[in-house]
Each structure stands twice: as C-alpha cells, then as structure tokens.
C-alpha cells in the first residue's frame, strides 16, 4: 500500500503539476507565437503594405511659371509641353485632374545640378522674369536640357530662340525642338548676332550661358540688338573660364562692371553653390528707365 502511495504522490503532486505547468506554458507560448504569425498576426502575414506616397504639385511661391512637387522630398518641376516625353532622362510626374475628369497633367523634374537657371531658382534668386508668354533669347543652348524647361515655362504662347555654336549638341537641340513648336534652334556663333537677326524678333528676356572670356561683350551685343527697352537679362558666369587666376568673387564683380558700361543694369547676383562650383548668376535690366526724382 505504501508503494502505491508513492505512485500517487509522483503522479498527482510534483510530477503531474510540473508536467502540466511546463506543458501548458510551453504549449501556450508556442501556440501564442505561432498564432501571431497566422491569419490575424502581424508577423509574416501577406497583408498589403503602404502604397506610393501621394504627390501634390503647387505653384512656386514667387515664380508662377515653376511648380513644386510636394512628396517625401520636394522637387522643382515644370509642366511638360510634350506629355509622355523626357528630354534628358528626367523623372516625370502625372497628377490627376479635378474629380470626375480623366485628364492628367504631367510635370518634369528640374535637376538644379544640371541647369544653371534651375540652380539659381533653388538657390533663392529674387528676380525671375521668364514667365508664361515670354519671348526668350537663349545663348548657349547646348543639347537643350535647360532650353526644354524654359520652353515649359513660357508655354505655347511664348517663344524660345536657342542659339548654339557647336554642331554636335546643336543636332540634339534641333531634334528636341521638333517636338516643341515654341523652340527655334539657331546653330550660329553668338558673337555674330547679325547672322541670325532675321530669325529673332524683339525679346523680353535674354539668358546667357556661353562660358567664354568675352561673355559680357556677347551679352551686350545681343541685348542691344534683340532686347526690348526694360527687357531682362540673366547671365551665368563661370569664373575660371574668364580668369582662372583670380578669385571667383573678383571675377563676378568685374563682369558686373563690364555689363554696367553697356546699358545693362544688374539688379542682383547670386552664387550657385553647392550645385555648380565657382558659378554665379547675374540678373538685371537692359536700358532700364531712370527713376524720376520727385
């Protein structure tokens, strides 16, 4: 009887209770963990993840011809004149129209590291005279990267006369212009505006990015021939192309003085760091009206 009692003690008390407890705990924990991975769990379930971030496009606070795409990282954009087409591999963004409308508006991201004009806007330039309907003379059009964004800015009512001397980028510029009716490609030397005087009408804005030692003279020649009175000029200055021995700030001030002597009145200049090293942009008016004394 005593031995039988020993069996009862082992089964019901220590062994049974410990076994039940451990078995219950482990079973419960494992069951709980496995349950977490199941249908209602958040572990390795096949639930839907977050969708792409919603992008909204708003006008630039000071320059209506440019927009800002608001997303995780904001970017400057222009409304694409040729929807569905990229010019230099830039990203495109489509925005739905009003509710009930199937129309979409497409925008092109403007990379300031690839455009002096774009960099000047991002860097905080105060004046940007290029707007919807503007007639722009663009000196140094290259392959058309920035020209295409200026084309977007001025829209169908505006016009961009793009002058480029080198034939290889000139071909790319010409091909780009085939799809943009507001771009007139001109493969000529900007030092000789008489050669294209029959192609260019009176302009509201002159933009120059020719990177030549005599850039101020080139700007003055073209401004005198094509810019309207009180017309605007925007000049990109690459310091080491003008004088590689002088400090960039000294070069900028020297070029500004040259412009002043040719009826070009600078309003401001801004450096383009960190987008373009040793570059600055000067904005001003040509043959500006003198302020009358009260």
Protein backbone atom coordinates (compact mmCIF):
# COMPACT_ATOMS: atom_id res chain seq x y z
CA UNK A 1 0.00 0.00 0.00
CA UNK A 2 2.89 2.28 0.85
CA UNK A 3 4.47 1.82 -2.60
CA UNK A 4 1.20 2.51 -4.24
CA UNK A 5 1.01 5.67 -2.29
CA UNK A 6 4.39 6.69 -3.70
CA UNK A 7 3.00 6.31 -7.22
CA UNK A 8 0.12 8.58 -6.39
CA UNK A 9 2.42 11.19 -4.95
CA UNK A 10 4.62 11.23 -8.06
CA UNK A 11 1.71 11.35 -10.47
CA UNK A 12 -0.55 13.84 -8.79
CA UNK A 13 1.73 16.24 -6.96
CA UNK A 14 5.21 17.18 -8.13
CA UNK A 15 5.42 15.29 -11.43
CA UNK A 16 1.89 15.94 -12.54
CA UNK A 17 1.81 19.59 -11.55
CA UNK A 18 5.22 20.41 -13.01
CA UNK A 19 4.49 18.48 -16.16
CA UNK A 20 1.15 20.14 -16.56
CA UNK A 21 2.57 23.59 -15.84
CA UNK A 22 5.54 23.24 -18.21
CA UNK A 23 3.47 21.60 -20.86
CA UNK A 24 0.77 24.21 -20.51
CA UNK A 25 3.19 27.14 -20.51
CA UNK A 26 5.22 25.91 -23.46
CA UNK A 27 2.18 24.92 -25.37
CA UNK A 28 0.54 28.24 -24.61
CA UNK A 29 3.62 30.26 -25.54
CA UNK A 30 4.28 28.32 -28.71
CA UNK A 31 0.67 28.44 -29.63
CA UNK A 32 0.61 32.17 -28.97
CA UNK A 33 3.73 32.78 -31.05
CA UNK A 34 2.51 30.65 -33.89
CA UNK A 35 -0.85 32.30 -33.67
CA UNK A 36 0.89 35.66 -34.13
CA UNK A 37 2.18 34.51 -37.49
CA UNK A 38 -1.20 33.31 -38.58
CA UNK A 39 -4.18 34.92 -40.16
CA UNK A 40 -4.66 37.62 -37.55
CA UNK A 41 -0.97 38.13 -36.71
CA UNK A 42 1.31 40.92 -37.85
CA UNK A 43 4.40 38.76 -38.37
CA UNK A 44 4.87 37.09 -41.73
CA UNK A 45 1.39 37.65 -42.98
CA UNK A 46 0.74 38.60 -46.59
CA UNK A 47 -1.08 41.83 -45.77
CA UNK A 48 -0.94 44.83 -48.11
CA UNK A 49 1.90 47.30 -47.47
CA UNK A 50 1.76 51.07 -47.76
CA UNK A 51 1.14 52.42 -51.28
CA UNK A 52 3.33 55.02 -53.02
CA UNK A 53 3.43 58.40 -51.33
CA UNK A 54 0.89 60.83 -52.72
CA UNK A 55 2.45 63.68 -54.68
CA UNK A 56 0.85 67.11 -54.86
CA UNK A 57 2.03 69.93 -57.11
CA UNK A 58 1.76 73.56 -56.00
CA UNK A 59 2.92 76.80 -57.69
CA UNK A 60 6.26 78.26 -56.67
CA UNK A 61 5.68 80.94 -54.03
CA UNK A 62 7.26 83.68 -56.20
CA UNK A 63 7.51 82.37 -59.77
CA UNK A 64 4.20 81.05 -61.20
CA UNK A 65 5.89 79.51 -64.28
CA UNK A 66 7.58 76.97 -61.98
CA UNK A 67 5.96 74.43 -59.66
CA UNK A 68 6.99 72.45 -56.59
CA UNK A 69 6.18 68.73 -56.28
CA UNK A 70 5.43 68.01 -52.62
CA UNK A 71 6.38 64.49 -51.53
CA UNK A 72 8.83 62.83 -49.12
CA UNK A 73 11.46 65.02 -50.78
CA UNK A 74 10.24 68.17 -52.54
CA UNK A 75 11.46 68.85 -56.06
CA UNK A 76 11.11 71.68 -58.57
CA UNK A 77 9.12 70.83 -61.70
CA UNK A 78 7.78 72.43 -64.88
CA UNK A 79 4.57 71.49 -66.67
CA UNK A 80 5.52 69.29 -69.62
CA UNK A 81 4.78 70.83 -73.02
CA UNK A 82 5.05 67.36 -74.57
CA UNK A 83 3.37 64.84 -72.21
CA UNK A 84 4.93 61.39 -72.31
CA UNK A 85 8.32 62.67 -73.45
CA UNK A 86 11.51 63.13 -71.43
CA UNK A 87 14.35 65.25 -72.83
CA UNK A 88 17.38 64.11 -70.82
CA UNK A 89 16.07 61.14 -68.83
CA UNK A 90 14.42 63.29 -66.17
CA UNK A 91 11.64 61.90 -63.97
CA UNK A 92 8.04 62.71 -64.95
CA UNK A 93 5.11 63.07 -62.55
CA UNK A 94 1.45 62.74 -63.55
CA UNK A 95 -1.21 64.41 -61.43
CA UNK A 96 -4.93 63.61 -61.68
CA UNK A 97 -7.24 66.38 -62.80
CA UNK A 98 -10.41 67.52 -60.97
CA UNK A 99 -12.80 64.87 -59.68
CA UNK A 100 -14.77 63.30 -62.50
CA UNK A 101 -12.12 64.26 -65.05
CA UNK A 102 -9.92 61.67 -66.74
CA UNK A 103 -7.36 64.26 -67.79
CA UNK A 104 -3.93 64.21 -66.18
CA UNK A 105 -1.30 66.93 -66.01
CA UNK A 106 2.33 65.88 -66.45
CA UNK A 107 5.32 67.62 -64.89
CA UNK A 108 9.06 67.18 -65.41
CA UNK A 109 11.51 67.25 -62.51
CA UNK A 110 14.09 70.03 -62.96
CA UNK A 111 17.50 68.96 -61.63
CA UNK A 112 19.45 72.03 -60.36
CA UNK A 113 22.73 70.11 -60.68
CA UNK A 114 22.22 70.01 -64.44
CA UNK A 115 20.95 73.53 -65.01
CA UNK A 116 22.36 76.94 -64.03
CA UNK A 117 18.94 78.55 -64.38
CA UNK A 118 17.31 75.84 -62.27
CA UNK A 119 20.05 76.16 -59.66
CA UNK A 120 19.52 79.93 -59.44
CA UNK A 121 15.82 79.43 -58.60
CA UNK A 122 16.54 76.77 -55.98
CA UNK A 123 19.33 78.95 -54.54
CA UNK A 124 16.82 81.76 -53.93
CA UNK A 125 17.17 84.30 -56.74
CA UNK A 126 14.77 87.24 -56.20
CA UNK A 127 14.03 88.04 -59.84
CA UNK A 128 12.88 85.54 -62.47
CA UNK A 129 11.44 87.41 -65.47
CA UNK A 130 10.76 84.26 -67.55
CA UNK A 131 7.01 83.68 -67.39
CA UNK A 132 4.09 82.44 -69.45
CA UNK A 133 4.11 84.08 -72.88
CA UNK A 134 7.69 85.43 -72.64
CA UNK A 135 9.92 85.71 -75.71
CA UNK A 136 13.36 84.46 -74.63
CA UNK A 137 16.72 84.62 -76.41
CA UNK A 138 18.82 81.78 -75.01
CA UNK A 139 22.57 81.97 -75.74
CA UNK A 140 24.44 78.69 -75.25
CA UNK A 141 21.53 76.29 -75.71
CA UNK A 142 23.79 73.18 -75.77
CA UNK A 143 21.74 69.99 -76.20
CA UNK A 144 18.56 71.58 -74.84
CA UNK A 145 18.39 70.44 -71.20
CA UNK A 146 17.54 73.87 -69.73
CA UNK A 147 16.03 75.12 -73.00
CA UNK A 148 13.32 72.46 -72.64
CA UNK A 149 12.39 73.72 -69.16
CA UNK A 150 12.31 77.32 -70.42
CA UNK A 151 10.01 76.02 -73.18
CA UNK A 152 7.72 74.62 -70.45
CA UNK A 153 7.88 77.90 -68.51
CA UNK A 154 6.84 80.17 -71.41
CA UNK A 155 4.18 77.77 -72.65
CA UNK A 156 2.53 77.66 -76.10
CA UNK A 157 2.09 81.46 -76.18
CA UNK A 158 5.81 82.07 -75.60
CA UNK A 159 8.89 81.52 -77.74
CA UNK A 160 12.50 80.44 -77.10
CA UNK A 161 15.23 81.33 -79.59
CA UNK A 162 18.03 78.92 -78.69
CA UNK A 163 21.49 79.77 -80.09
CA UNK A 164 24.21 77.10 -80.06
CA UNK A 165 27.52 77.19 -81.92
CA UNK A 166 28.72 73.56 -81.60
CA UNK A 167 27.18 71.27 -84.18
CA UNK A 168 27.00 68.05 -82.15
CA UNK A 169 24.87 69.43 -79.27
CA UNK A 170 23.17 71.57 -81.90
CA UNK A 171 21.80 68.42 -83.54
CA UNK A 172 20.33 67.26 -80.22
CA UNK A 173 18.86 70.73 -79.70
CA UNK A 174 17.28 70.62 -83.17
CA UNK A 175 15.81 67.15 -82.56
CA UNK A 176 14.34 68.31 -79.24
CA UNK A 177 12.80 71.36 -80.97
CA UNK A 178 10.98 69.15 -83.49
CA UNK A 179 8.55 68.18 -80.73
CA UNK A 180 8.37 71.67 -79.18
CA UNK A 181 6.89 74.24 -81.56
CA UNK A 182 7.83 77.13 -79.23
CA UNK A 183 11.59 76.45 -79.61
CA UNK A 184 13.55 77.92 -82.55
CA UNK A 185 17.02 76.30 -82.76
CA UNK A 186 19.76 78.53 -84.25
CA UNK A 187 23.14 76.92 -84.95
CA UNK A 188 25.31 80.04 -85.07
CA UNK A 189 28.03 81.88 -83.17
CA UNK A 190 26.52 84.17 -80.50
CA UNK A 191 29.38 86.61 -81.19
CA UNK A 192 27.78 87.36 -84.55
CA UNK A 193 24.13 88.23 -83.94
CA UNK A 194 23.88 89.80 -87.40
CA UNK A 195 23.84 86.26 -88.82
CA UNK A 196 20.54 85.42 -87.15
CA UNK A 197 18.93 88.86 -86.94
CA UNK A 198 16.28 87.79 -89.50
CA UNK A 199 15.19 84.87 -87.28
CA UNK A 200 14.86 86.57 -83.90
CA UNK A 201 12.16 89.07 -83.01
CA UNK A 202 12.08 91.53 -80.06
CA UNK A 203 12.67 89.61 -76.82
CA UNK A 204 11.56 90.10 -73.22
CA UNK A 205 14.43 88.12 -71.66
CA UNK A 206 17.98 87.17 -72.63
CA UNK A 207 19.60 84.21 -70.89
CA UNK A 208 23.32 83.57 -71.49
CA UNK A 209 25.40 80.54 -70.55
CA UNK A 210 28.24 80.67 -73.06
CA UNK A 211 31.25 80.31 -70.69
CA UNK A 212 33.57 82.50 -72.76
CA UNK A 213 36.12 85.13 -71.65
CA UNK A 214 34.28 87.81 -73.66
CA UNK A 215 30.85 86.81 -72.36
CA UNK A 216 29.93 90.34 -71.21
CA UNK A 217 30.55 91.67 -74.74
CA UNK A 218 28.48 88.82 -76.26
CA UNK A 219 25.60 89.62 -73.92
CA UNK A 220 25.80 93.35 -74.68
CA UNK A 221 25.82 92.76 -78.48
CA UNK A 222 22.74 90.53 -78.37
CA UNK A 223 20.91 92.65 -75.80
CA UNK A 224 21.43 95.78 -77.90
CA UNK A 225 20.06 94.05 -80.99
CA UNK A 226 17.17 91.98 -79.64
CA UNK A 227 16.11 93.02 -76.11
CA UNK A 228 13.23 95.44 -75.63
CA UNK A 229 13.76 98.53 -73.51
CA UNK A 230 13.46 97.44 -69.88
CA UNK A 231 13.99 93.87 -71.08
CA UNK A 232 15.67 91.48 -68.66
CA UNK A 233 18.95 89.62 -68.86
CA UNK A 234 20.14 86.59 -66.86
CA UNK A 235 23.83 85.77 -67.21
CA UNK A 236 25.53 82.66 -65.86
CA UNK A 237 29.19 83.39 -65.06
CA UNK A 238 31.76 80.60 -64.84
CA UNK A 239 34.68 82.25 -63.04
CA UNK A 240 37.55 80.06 -64.25
CA UNK A 241 36.50 80.47 -67.90
CA UNK A 242 37.03 84.22 -67.61
CA UNK A 243 40.07 84.37 -65.33
CA UNK A 244 41.40 81.20 -63.69
CA UNK A 245 43.99 83.15 -61.63
CA UNK A 246 41.56 85.49 -59.85
CA UNK A 247 39.19 84.72 -57.01
CA UNK A 248 35.65 83.91 -58.19
CA UNK A 249 34.14 86.88 -56.27
CA UNK A 250 36.54 89.26 -58.01
CA UNK A 251 35.58 87.83 -61.41
CA UNK A 252 31.85 88.23 -60.71
CA UNK A 253 32.27 91.89 -59.72
CA UNK A 254 34.47 92.57 -62.75
CA UNK A 255 31.83 91.12 -65.12
CA UNK A 256 29.11 93.16 -63.44
CA UNK A 257 31.11 96.35 -64.06
CA UNK A 258 31.51 95.42 -67.74
CA UNK A 259 27.75 94.91 -68.06
CA UNK A 260 27.05 98.30 -66.47
CA UNK A 261 29.10 100.03 -69.18
CA UNK A 262 26.85 98.52 -71.88
CA UNK A 263 23.44 99.78 -70.64
CA UNK A 264 22.89 96.59 -68.60
CA UNK A 265 21.82 97.41 -65.07
CA UNK A 266 22.32 94.45 -62.68
CA UNK A 267 19.65 94.02 -60.01
CA UNK A 268 21.27 91.14 -58.13
CA UNK A 269 23.81 88.35 -58.35
CA UNK A 270 23.77 85.02 -56.57
CA UNK A 271 26.34 82.22 -56.34
CA UNK A 272 25.25 78.72 -57.34
CA UNK A 273 27.00 76.71 -54.62
CA UNK A 274 26.60 73.78 -53.94
CA UNK A 275 25.01 72.99 -57.32
CA UNK A 276 27.75 74.48 -59.51
CA UNK A 277 31.18 75.33 -58.18
CA UNK A 278 32.59 78.82 -58.89
CA UNK A 279 29.45 79.89 -60.75
CA UNK A 280 27.18 82.87 -60.24
CA UNK A 281 24.09 84.27 -61.94
CA UNK A 282 23.55 87.99 -62.56
CA UNK A 283 20.02 89.29 -63.18
CA UNK A 284 19.22 92.78 -64.38
CA UNK A 285 17.53 95.03 -66.95
CA UNK A 286 18.74 96.44 -70.24
CA UNK A 287 18.20 100.14 -70.97
CA UNK A 288 16.15 100.44 -67.80
CA UNK A 289 14.13 103.62 -67.36
CA UNK A 290 15.71 106.05 -64.96
CA UNK A 291 13.72 106.77 -61.85
CA UNK A 292 12.29 110.27 -61.92
CA UNK A 293 13.14 112.45 -58.99
CA UNK A 294 10.13 113.63 -57.00
